[in-house]
Full PDB file with SEQRES, HELIX, SHEET, SSBOND, CRYST1, ORIGX, SCALE, CONECT and MASTER records, all heavy atoms in Angstrom:
SEQRES   1 A   34  GLN PHE GLY GLN ALA ILE ASN LYS PHE GLN GLY ILE GLN          
SEQRES   2 A   34  PHE LYS LEU SER ASP MET ALA THR ARG ILE HIS ALA ALA          
SEQRES   3 A   34  ARG LEU MET THR TYR HIS ALA ALA                              
HELIX    1 AA1 ILE A    6  LYS A    8  5                                   3    
HELIX    2 AA2 GLN A   10  ALA A   33  1                                  24    
CRYST1    1.000    1.000    1.000  90.00  90.00  90.00 P 1           1          
ORIGX1      1.000000  0.000000  0.000000        0.00000                         
ORIGX2      0.000000  1.000000  0.000000        0.00000                         
ORIGX3      0.000000  0.000000  1.000000        0.00000                         
SCALE1      1.000000  0.000000  0.000000        0.00000                         
SCALE2      0.000000  1.000000  0.000000        0.00000                         
SCALE3      0.000000  0.000000  1.000000        0.00000                         
ATOM      1  N   GLN A   1     -48.334 -85.984 209.426  1.00  0.00           N  
ATOM      2  CA  GLN A   1     -47.799 -85.978 210.784  1.00  0.00           C  
ATOM      3  C   GLN A   1     -47.714 -84.517 211.239  1.00  0.00           C  
ATOM      4  O   GLN A   1     -47.411 -83.628 210.436  1.00  0.00           O  
ATOM      5  CB  GLN A   1     -46.409 -86.618 210.833  1.00  0.00           C  
ATOM      6  CG  GLN A   1     -46.400 -88.133 210.576  1.00  0.00           C  
ATOM      7  CD  GLN A   1     -46.969 -88.931 211.744  1.00  0.00           C  
ATOM      8  OE1 GLN A   1     -46.311 -89.178 212.749  1.00  0.00           O  
ATOM      9  NE2 GLN A   1     -48.232 -89.317 211.607  1.00  0.00           N  
ATOM     10  N   PHE A   2     -47.983 -84.308 212.493  1.00  0.00           N  
ATOM     11  CA  PHE A   2     -47.937 -82.958 213.051  1.00  0.00           C  
ATOM     12  C   PHE A   2     -48.832 -81.990 212.284  1.00  0.00           C  
ATOM     13  O   PHE A   2     -48.498 -80.827 212.051  1.00  0.00           O  
ATOM     14  CB  PHE A   2     -46.496 -82.436 213.103  1.00  0.00           C  
ATOM     15  CG  PHE A   2     -45.551 -83.353 213.819  1.00  0.00           C  
ATOM     16  CD1 PHE A   2     -44.681 -84.162 213.104  1.00  0.00           C  
ATOM     17  CD2 PHE A   2     -45.555 -83.433 215.205  1.00  0.00           C  
ATOM     18  CE1 PHE A   2     -43.823 -85.026 213.756  1.00  0.00           C  
ATOM     19  CE2 PHE A   2     -44.696 -84.293 215.870  1.00  0.00           C  
ATOM     20  CZ  PHE A   2     -43.825 -85.099 215.145  1.00  0.00           C  
ATOM     21  N   GLY A   3     -49.965 -82.534 211.803  1.00  0.00           N  
ATOM     22  CA  GLY A   3     -50.985 -81.689 211.198  1.00  0.00           C  
ATOM     23  C   GLY A   3     -50.783 -81.327 209.740  1.00  0.00           C  
ATOM     24  O   GLY A   3     -51.511 -80.484 209.207  1.00  0.00           O  
ATOM     25  N   GLN A   4     -49.825 -81.954 209.060  1.00  0.00           N  
ATOM     26  CA  GLN A   4     -49.625 -81.648 207.642  1.00  0.00           C  
ATOM     27  C   GLN A   4     -48.969 -82.829 206.924  1.00  0.00           C  
ATOM     28  O   GLN A   4     -48.386 -83.708 207.561  1.00  0.00           O  
ATOM     29  CB  GLN A   4     -48.762 -80.397 207.480  1.00  0.00           C  
ATOM     30  CG  GLN A   4     -47.376 -80.508 208.084  1.00  0.00           C  
ATOM     31  CD  GLN A   4     -46.583 -79.222 207.938  1.00  0.00           C  
ATOM     32  OE1 GLN A   4     -46.855 -78.383 207.080  1.00  0.00           O  
ATOM     33  NE2 GLN A   4     -45.561 -79.046 208.780  1.00  0.00           N  
ATOM     34  N   ALA A   5     -49.080 -82.823 205.604  1.00  0.00           N  
ATOM     35  CA  ALA A   5     -48.424 -83.858 204.800  1.00  0.00           C  
ATOM     36  C   ALA A   5     -46.925 -83.784 205.035  1.00  0.00           C  
ATOM     37  O   ALA A   5     -46.349 -82.685 205.116  1.00  0.00           O  
ATOM     38  CB  ALA A   5     -48.736 -83.659 203.326  1.00  0.00           C  
ATOM     39  N   ILE A   6     -46.283 -84.939 205.124  1.00  0.00           N  
ATOM     40  CA  ILE A   6     -44.863 -84.920 205.493  1.00  0.00           C  
ATOM     41  C   ILE A   6     -43.983 -84.337 204.386  1.00  0.00           C  
ATOM     42  O   ILE A   6     -42.825 -83.981 204.648  1.00  0.00           O  
ATOM     43  CB  ILE A   6     -44.363 -86.318 205.908  1.00  0.00           C  
ATOM     44  CG1 ILE A   6     -44.473 -87.316 204.755  1.00  0.00           C  
ATOM     45  CG2 ILE A   6     -45.122 -86.821 207.136  1.00  0.00           C  
ATOM     46  CD1 ILE A   6     -43.835 -88.671 205.072  1.00  0.00           C  
ATOM     47  N   ASN A   7     -44.503 -84.237 203.147  1.00  0.00           N  
ATOM     48  CA  ASN A   7     -43.690 -83.608 202.104  1.00  0.00           C  
ATOM     49  C   ASN A   7     -43.586 -82.092 202.273  1.00  0.00           C  
ATOM     50  O   ASN A   7     -42.897 -81.429 201.485  1.00  0.00           O  
ATOM     51  CB  ASN A   7     -44.201 -83.967 200.707  1.00  0.00           C  
ATOM     52  CG  ASN A   7     -45.563 -83.404 200.387  1.00  0.00           C  
ATOM     53  OD1 ASN A   7     -46.163 -82.652 201.174  1.00  0.00           O  
ATOM     54  ND2 ASN A   7     -46.092 -83.788 199.225  1.00  0.00           N  
ATOM     55  N   LYS A   8     -44.219 -81.560 203.281  1.00  0.00           N  
ATOM     56  CA  LYS A   8     -44.084 -80.135 203.589  1.00  0.00           C  
ATOM     57  C   LYS A   8     -42.832 -79.855 204.426  1.00  0.00           C  
ATOM     58  O   LYS A   8     -42.415 -78.717 204.569  1.00  0.00           O  
ATOM     59  CB  LYS A   8     -45.315 -79.621 204.352  1.00  0.00           C  
ATOM     60  CG  LYS A   8     -46.632 -79.805 203.613  1.00  0.00           C  
ATOM     61  CD  LYS A   8     -46.686 -79.014 202.328  1.00  0.00           C  
ATOM     62  CE  LYS A   8     -48.064 -79.142 201.668  1.00  0.00           C  
ATOM     63  NZ  LYS A   8     -48.107 -78.431 200.365  1.00  0.00           N  
ATOM     64  N   PHE A   9     -42.255 -80.936 204.980  1.00  0.00           N  
ATOM     65  CA  PHE A   9     -41.071 -80.770 205.816  1.00  0.00           C  
ATOM     66  C   PHE A   9     -39.816 -80.723 204.950  1.00  0.00           C  
ATOM     67  O   PHE A   9     -39.643 -81.518 204.028  1.00  0.00           O  
ATOM     68  CB  PHE A   9     -40.966 -81.907 206.834  1.00  0.00           C  
ATOM     69  CG  PHE A   9     -42.079 -81.918 207.844  1.00  0.00           C  
ATOM     70  CD1 PHE A   9     -43.129 -82.814 207.722  1.00  0.00           C  
ATOM     71  CD2 PHE A   9     -42.089 -81.012 208.900  1.00  0.00           C  
ATOM     72  CE1 PHE A   9     -44.161 -82.825 208.647  1.00  0.00           C  
ATOM     73  CE2 PHE A   9     -43.117 -81.015 209.826  1.00  0.00           C  
ATOM     74  CZ  PHE A   9     -44.167 -81.917 209.700  1.00  0.00           C  
ATOM     75  N   GLN A  10     -38.942 -79.789 205.274  1.00  0.00           N  
ATOM     76  CA  GLN A  10     -37.762 -79.571 204.448  1.00  0.00           C  
ATOM     77  C   GLN A  10     -36.866 -80.812 204.381  1.00  0.00           C  
ATOM     78  O   GLN A  10     -36.293 -81.124 203.332  1.00  0.00           O  
ATOM     79  CB  GLN A  10     -36.969 -78.378 204.983  1.00  0.00           C  
ATOM     80  CG  GLN A  10     -35.887 -77.893 204.028  1.00  0.00           C  
ATOM     81  CD  GLN A  10     -35.193 -76.650 204.566  1.00  0.00           C  
ATOM     82  OE1 GLN A  10     -34.525 -76.699 205.591  1.00  0.00           O  
ATOM     83  NE2 GLN A  10     -35.348 -75.527 203.859  1.00  0.00           N  
ATOM     84  N   GLY A  11     -36.749 -81.529 205.480  1.00  0.00           N  
ATOM     85  CA  GLY A  11     -35.925 -82.734 205.480  1.00  0.00           C  
ATOM     86  C   GLY A  11     -36.408 -83.761 204.461  1.00  0.00           C  
ATOM     87  O   GLY A  11     -35.607 -84.405 203.781  1.00  0.00           O  
ATOM     88  N   ILE A  12     -37.719 -83.917 204.348  1.00  0.00           N  
ATOM     89  CA  ILE A  12     -38.309 -84.827 203.358  1.00  0.00           C  
ATOM     90  C   ILE A  12     -38.064 -84.296 201.953  1.00  0.00           C  
ATOM     91  O   ILE A  12     -37.713 -85.052 201.024  1.00  0.00           O  
ATOM     92  CB  ILE A  12     -39.818 -84.998 203.609  1.00  0.00           C  
ATOM     93  CG1 ILE A  12     -40.074 -85.561 205.006  1.00  0.00           C  
ATOM     94  CG2 ILE A  12     -40.449 -85.870 202.531  1.00  0.00           C  
ATOM     95  CD1 ILE A  12     -39.546 -86.953 205.226  1.00  0.00           C  
ATOM     96  N   GLN A  13     -38.235 -83.003 201.769  1.00  0.00           N  
ATOM     97  CA  GLN A  13     -38.028 -82.393 200.455  1.00  0.00           C  
ATOM     98  C   GLN A  13     -36.588 -82.574 199.981  1.00  0.00           C  
ATOM     99  O   GLN A  13     -36.342 -82.856 198.803  1.00  0.00           O  
ATOM    100  CB  GLN A  13     -38.389 -80.907 200.508  1.00  0.00           C  
ATOM    101  CG  GLN A  13     -39.863 -80.643 200.745  1.00  0.00           C  
ATOM    102  CD  GLN A  13     -40.163 -79.169 200.955  1.00  0.00           C  
ATOM    103  OE1 GLN A  13     -39.255 -78.328 201.000  1.00  0.00           O  
ATOM    104  NE2 GLN A  13     -41.443 -78.846 201.118  1.00  0.00           N  
ATOM    105  N   PHE A  14     -35.632 -82.414 200.898  1.00  0.00           N  
ATOM    106  CA  PHE A  14     -34.229 -82.599 200.529  1.00  0.00           C  
ATOM    107  C   PHE A  14     -33.982 -84.034 200.038  1.00  0.00           C  
ATOM    108  O   PHE A  14     -33.280 -84.252 199.050  1.00  0.00           O  
ATOM    109  CB  PHE A  14     -33.322 -82.309 201.729  1.00  0.00           C  
ATOM    110  CG  PHE A  14     -33.106 -80.842 201.993  1.00  0.00           C  
ATOM    111  CD1 PHE A  14     -33.735 -79.867 201.244  1.00  0.00           C  
ATOM    112  CD2 PHE A  14     -32.271 -80.429 203.025  1.00  0.00           C  
ATOM    113  CE1 PHE A  14     -33.537 -78.520 201.479  1.00  0.00           C  
ATOM    114  CE2 PHE A  14     -32.054 -79.079 203.275  1.00  0.00           C  
ATOM    115  CZ  PHE A  14     -32.694 -78.128 202.507  1.00  0.00           C  
ATOM    116  N   LYS A  15     -34.549 -85.004 200.732  1.00  0.00           N  
ATOM    117  CA  LYS A  15     -34.341 -86.402 200.351  1.00  0.00           C  
ATOM    118  C   LYS A  15     -34.959 -86.684 198.978  1.00  0.00           C  
ATOM    119  O   LYS A  15     -34.345 -87.331 198.128  1.00  0.00           O  
ATOM    120  CB  LYS A  15     -34.923 -87.335 201.413  1.00  0.00           C  
ATOM    121  CG  LYS A  15     -34.443 -88.778 201.274  1.00  0.00           C  
ATOM    122  CD  LYS A  15     -34.894 -89.629 202.450  1.00  0.00           C  
ATOM    123  CE  LYS A  15     -34.139 -89.335 203.713  1.00  0.00           C  
ATOM    124  NZ  LYS A  15     -32.727 -89.813 203.636  1.00  0.00           N  
ATOM    125  N   LEU A  16     -36.171 -86.188 198.753  1.00  0.00           N  
ATOM    126  CA  LEU A  16     -36.824 -86.364 197.452  1.00  0.00           C  
ATOM    127  C   LEU A  16     -36.006 -85.698 196.340  1.00  0.00           C  
ATOM    128  O   LEU A  16     -35.872 -86.253 195.240  1.00  0.00           O  
ATOM    129  CB  LEU A  16     -38.238 -85.781 197.489  1.00  0.00           C  
ATOM    130  CG  LEU A  16     -39.265 -86.516 198.363  1.00  0.00           C  
ATOM    131  CD1 LEU A  16     -40.528 -85.688 198.495  1.00  0.00           C  
ATOM    132  CD2 LEU A  16     -39.592 -87.891 197.788  1.00  0.00           C  
ATOM    133  N   SER A  17     -35.463 -84.532 196.638  1.00  0.00           N  
ATOM    134  CA  SER A  17     -34.653 -83.815 195.647  1.00  0.00           C  
ATOM    135  C   SER A  17     -33.396 -84.600 195.282  1.00  0.00           C  
ATOM    136  O   SER A  17     -33.037 -84.707 194.097  1.00  0.00           O  
ATOM    137  CB  SER A  17     -34.256 -82.441 196.188  1.00  0.00           C  
ATOM    138  OG  SER A  17     -35.392 -81.646 196.429  1.00  0.00           O  
ATOM    139  N   ASP A  18     -32.735 -85.148 196.273  1.00  0.00           N  
ATOM    140  CA  ASP A  18     -31.534 -85.948 196.016  1.00  0.00           C  
ATOM    141  C   ASP A  18     -31.872 -87.195 195.201  1.00  0.00           C  
ATOM    142  O   ASP A  18     -31.119 -87.580 194.293  1.00  0.00           O  
ATOM    143  CB  ASP A  18     -30.879 -86.360 197.333  1.00  0.00           C  
ATOM    144  CG  ASP A  18     -30.196 -85.193 198.045  1.00  0.00           C  
ATOM    145  OD1 ASP A  18     -29.978 -84.155 197.392  1.00  0.00           O  
ATOM    146  OD2 ASP A  18     -29.892 -85.329 199.245  1.00  0.00           O  
ATOM    147  N   MET A  19     -32.980 -87.831 195.513  1.00  0.00           N  
ATOM    148  CA  MET A  19     -33.405 -89.026 194.770  1.00  0.00           C  
ATOM    149  C   MET A  19     -33.634 -88.683 193.298  1.00  0.00           C  
ATOM    150  O   MET A  19     -33.145 -89.376 192.394  1.00  0.00           O  
ATOM    151  CB  MET A  19     -34.677 -89.603 195.391  1.00  0.00           C  
ATOM    152  CG  MET A  19     -34.477 -90.180 196.790  1.00  0.00           C  
ATOM    153  SD  MET A  19     -36.032 -90.372 197.721  1.00  0.00           S  
ATOM    154  CE  MET A  19     -36.788 -91.752 196.860  1.00  0.00           C  
ATOM    155  N   ALA A  20     -34.375 -87.618 193.053  1.00  0.00           N  
ATOM    156  CA  ALA A  20     -34.687 -87.217 191.683  1.00  0.00           C  
ATOM    157  C   ALA A  20     -33.427 -86.843 190.903  1.00  0.00           C  
ATOM    158  O   ALA A  20     -33.304 -87.145 189.711  1.00  0.00           O  
ATOM    159  CB  ALA A  20     -35.667 -86.050 191.686  1.00  0.00           C  
ATOM    160  N   THR A  21     -32.492 -86.187 191.575  1.00  0.00           N  
ATOM    161  CA  THR A  21     -31.251 -85.772 190.906  1.00  0.00           C  
ATOM    162  C   THR A  21     -30.424 -86.984 190.499  1.00  0.00           C  
ATOM    163  O   THR A  21     -29.884 -87.046 189.385  1.00  0.00           O  
ATOM    164  CB  THR A  21     -30.435 -84.857 191.840  1.00  0.00           C  
ATOM    165  OG1 THR A  21     -31.228 -83.702 192.160  1.00  0.00           O  
ATOM    166  CG2 THR A  21     -29.145 -84.417 191.171  1.00  0.00           C  
ATOM    167  N   ARG A  22     -30.302 -87.964 191.387  1.00  0.00           N  
ATOM    168  CA  ARG A  22     -29.553 -89.184 191.056  1.00  0.00           C  
ATOM    169  C   ARG A  22     -30.187 -89.897 189.860  1.00  0.00           C  
ATOM    170  O   ARG A  22     -29.496 -90.373 188.963  1.00  0.00           O  
ATOM    171  CB  ARG A  22     -29.514 -90.123 192.262  1.00  0.00           C  
ATOM    172  CG  ARG A  22     -28.646 -89.651 193.409  1.00  0.00           C  
ATOM    173  CD  ARG A  22     -28.468 -90.774 194.428  1.00  0.00           C  
ATOM    174  NE  ARG A  22     -27.810 -90.307 195.641  1.00  0.00           N  
ATOM    175  CZ  ARG A  22     -28.441 -90.028 196.774  1.00  0.00           C  
ATOM    176  NH1 ARG A  22     -29.747 -90.176 196.863  1.00  0.00           N  
ATOM    177  NH2 ARG A  22     -27.763 -89.620 197.824  1.00  0.00           N  
ATOM    178  N   ILE A  23     -31.507 -89.981 189.864  1.00  0.00           N  
ATOM    179  CA  ILE A  23     -32.202 -90.675 188.777  1.00  0.00           C  
ATOM    180  C   ILE A  23     -31.989 -89.957 187.458  1.00  0.00           C  
ATOM    181  O   ILE A  23     -31.728 -90.591 186.422  1.00  0.00           O  
ATOM    182  CB  ILE A  23     -33.710 -90.794 189.093  1.00  0.00           C  
ATOM    183  CG1 ILE A  23     -33.923 -91.707 190.301  1.00  0.00           C  
ATOM    184  CG2 ILE A  23     -34.476 -91.325 187.881  1.00  0.00           C  
ATOM    185  CD1 ILE A  23     -35.329 -91.645 190.870  1.00  0.00           C  
ATOM    186  N   HIS A  24     -32.092 -88.640 187.473  1.00  0.00           N  
ATOM    187  CA  HIS A  24     -31.925 -87.880 186.234  1.00  0.00           C  
ATOM    188  C   HIS A  24     -30.515 -88.070 185.666  1.00  0.00           C  
ATOM    189  O   HIS A  24     -30.344 -88.289 184.462  1.00  0.00           O  
ATOM    190  CB  HIS A  24     -32.189 -86.398 186.499  1.00  0.00           C  
ATOM    191  CG  HIS A  24     -32.194 -85.558 185.256  1.00  0.00           C  
ATOM    192  ND1 HIS A  24     -33.090 -85.744 184.232  1.00  0.00           N  
ATOM    193  CD2 HIS A  24     -31.381 -84.533 184.857  1.00  0.00           C  
ATOM    194  CE1 HIS A  24     -32.849 -84.874 183.262  1.00  0.00           C  
ATOM    195  NE2 HIS A  24     -31.817 -84.130 183.620  1.00  0.00           N  
ATOM    196  N   ALA A  25     -29.522 -88.011 186.525  1.00  0.00           N  
ATOM    197  CA  ALA A  25     -28.143 -88.211 186.076  1.00  0.00           C  
ATOM    198  C   ALA A  25     -27.950 -89.628 185.534  1.00  0.00           C  
ATOM    199  O   ALA A  25     -27.316 -89.827 184.488  1.00  0.00           O  
ATOM    200  CB  ALA A  25     -27.175 -87.943 187.226  1.00  0.00           C  
ATOM    201  N   ALA A  26     -28.502 -90.618 186.220  1.00  0.00           N  
ATOM    202  CA  ALA A  26     -28.377 -92.003 185.780  1.00  0.00           C  
ATOM    203  C   ALA A  26     -29.052 -92.218 184.434  1.00  0.00           C  
ATOM    204  O   ALA A  26     -28.527 -92.921 183.556  1.00  0.00           O  
ATOM    205  CB  ALA A  26     -28.979 -92.940 186.826  1.00  0.00           C  
ATOM    206  N   ARG A  27     -30.206 -91.604 184.256  1.00  0.00           N  
ATOM    207  CA  ARG A  27     -30.930 -91.753 182.987  1.00  0.00           C  
ATOM    208  C   ARG A  27     -30.125 -91.141 181.838  1.00  0.00           C  
ATOM    209  O   ARG A  27     -30.005 -91.741 180.764  1.00  0.00           O  
ATOM    210  CB  ARG A  27     -32.308 -91.097 183.105  1.00  0.00           C  
ATOM    211  CG  ARG A  27     -33.161 -91.259 181.845  1.00  0.00           C  
ATOM    212  CD  ARG A  27     -34.551 -90.664 182.024  1.00  0.00           C  
ATOM    213  NE  ARG A  27     -35.366 -91.462 182.926  1.00  0.00           N  
ATOM    214  CZ  ARG A  27     -35.836 -91.029 184.095  1.00  0.00           C  
ATOM    215  NH1 ARG A  27     -35.558 -89.799 184.516  1.00  0.00           N  
ATOM    216  NH2 ARG A  27     -36.577 -91.820 184.837  1.00  0.00           N  
ATOM    217  N   LEU A  28     -29.575 -89.956 182.050  1.00  0.00           N  
ATOM    218  CA  LEU A  28     -28.774 -89.315 181.009  1.00  0.00           C  
ATOM    219  C   LEU A  28     -27.557 -90.165 180.631  1.00  0.00           C  
ATOM    220  O   LEU A  28     -27.230 -90.313 179.454  1.00  0.00           O  
ATOM    221  CB  LEU A  28     -28.329 -87.931 181.474  1.00  0.00           C  
ATOM    222  CG  LEU A  28     -29.400 -86.832 181.462  1.00  0.00           C  
ATOM    223  CD1 LEU A  28     -28.893 -85.595 182.179  1.00  0.00           C  
ATOM    224  CD2 LEU A  28     -29.817 -86.497 180.039  1.00  0.00           C  
ATOM    225  N   MET A  29     -26.885 -90.729 181.633  1.00  0.00           N  
ATOM    226  CA  MET A  29     -25.721 -91.569 181.363  1.00  0.00           C  
ATOM    227  C   MET A  29     -26.119 -92.821 180.584  1.00  0.00           C  
ATOM    228  O   MET A  29     -25.408 -93.260 179.675  1.00  0.00           O  
ATOM    229  CB  MET A  29     -25.044 -91.962 182.683  1.00  0.00           C  
ATOM    230  CG  MET A  29     -24.398 -90.792 183.405  1.00  0.00           C  
ATOM    231  SD  MET A  29     -23.688 -91.257 184.998  1.00  0.00           S  
ATOM    232  CE  MET A  29     -22.225 -92.147 184.445  1.00  0.00           C  
ATOM    233  N   THR A  30     -27.265 -93.391 180.925  1.00  0.00           N  
ATOM    234  CA  THR A  30     -27.733 -94.602 180.251  1.00  0.00           C  
ATOM    235  C   THR A  30     -28.108 -94.314 178.801  1.00  0.00           C  
ATOM    236  O   THR A  30     -27.730 -95.058 177.886  1.00  0.00           O  
ATOM    237  CB  THR A  30     -28.934 -95.190 181.007  1.00  0.00           C  
ATOM    238  OG1 THR A  30     -28.548 -95.448 182.369  1.00  0.00           O  
ATOM    239  CG2 THR A  30     -29.411 -96.476 180.363  1.00  0.00           C  
ATOM    240  N   TYR A  31     -28.835 -93.231 178.577  1.00  0.00           N  
ATOM    241  CA  TYR A  31     -29.212 -92.874 177.215  1.00  0.00           C  
ATOM    242  C   TYR A  31     -27.980 -92.544 176.372  1.00  0.00           C  
ATOM    243  O   TYR A  31     -27.916 -92.893 175.182  1.00  0.00           O  
ATOM    244  CB  TYR A  31     -30.174 -91.675 177.233  1.00  0.00           C  
ATOM    245  CG  TYR A  31     -31.608 -92.041 177.519  1.00  0.00           C  
ATOM    246  CD1 TYR A  31     -31.945 -92.821 178.624  1.00  0.00           C  
ATOM    247  CD2 TYR A  31     -32.638 -91.604 176.701  1.00  0.00           C  
ATOM    248  CE1 TYR A  31     -33.259 -93.152 178.890  1.00  0.00           C  
ATOM    249  CE2 TYR A  31     -33.962 -91.934 176.963  1.00  0.00           C  
ATOM    250  CZ  TYR A  31     -34.266 -92.711 178.060  1.00  0.00           C  
ATOM    251  OH  TYR A  31     -35.566 -93.045 178.312  1.00  0.00           O  
ATOM    252  N   HIS A  32     -27.013 -91.881 176.984  1.00  0.00           N  
ATOM    253  CA  HIS A  32     -25.806 -91.527 176.241  1.00  0.00           C  
ATOM    254  C   HIS A  32     -25.040 -92.785 175.831  1.00  0.00           C  
ATOM    255  O   HIS A  32     -24.583 -92.895 174.678  1.00  0.00           O  
ATOM    256  CB  HIS A  32     -24.913 -90.623 177.086  1.00  0.00           C  
ATOM    257  CG  HIS A  32     -23.646 -90.217 176.397  1.00  0.00           C  
ATOM    258  ND1 HIS A  32     -23.627 -89.498 175.219  1.00  0.00           N  
ATOM    259  CD2 HIS A  32     -22.341 -90.445 176.711  1.00  0.00           C  
ATOM    260  CE1 HIS A  32     -22.377 -89.296 174.843  1.00  0.00           C  
ATOM    261  NE2 HIS A  32     -21.575 -89.867 175.725  1.00  0.00           N  
ATOM    262  N   ALA A  33     -24.898 -93.732 176.747  1.00  0.00           N  
ATOM    263  CA  ALA A  33     -24.206 -94.980 176.419  1.00  0.00           C  
ATOM    264  C   ALA A  33     -24.943 -95.734 175.320  1.00  0.00           C  
ATOM    265  O   ALA A  33     -24.327 -96.281 174.397  1.00  0.00           O  
ATOM    266  CB  ALA A  33     -24.075 -95.850 177.672  1.00  0.00           C  
ATOM    267  N   ALA A  34     -26.277 -95.756 175.392  1.00  0.00           N  
ATOM    268  CA  ALA A  34     -27.076 -96.425 174.360  1.00  0.00           C  
ATOM    269  C   ALA A  34     -26.904 -95.740 173.009  1.00  0.00           C  
ATOM    270  O   ALA A  34     -26.787 -96.404 171.967  1.00  0.00           O  
ATOM    271  CB  ALA A  34     -28.546 -96.441 174.771  1.00  0.00           C  
TER     272      ALA A  34                                                      
MASTER        0    0    0    2    0    0    0    6  271    1    0    3          
END                                                                             
């Protein structure tokens, strides 16, 4: 959009970063409980 991949936009990058952080924390908690 607007001549470039949308992952170049900071708003998209922030959302992807938050998603990855939640997943990493969830995975660590799950492995620790196991």
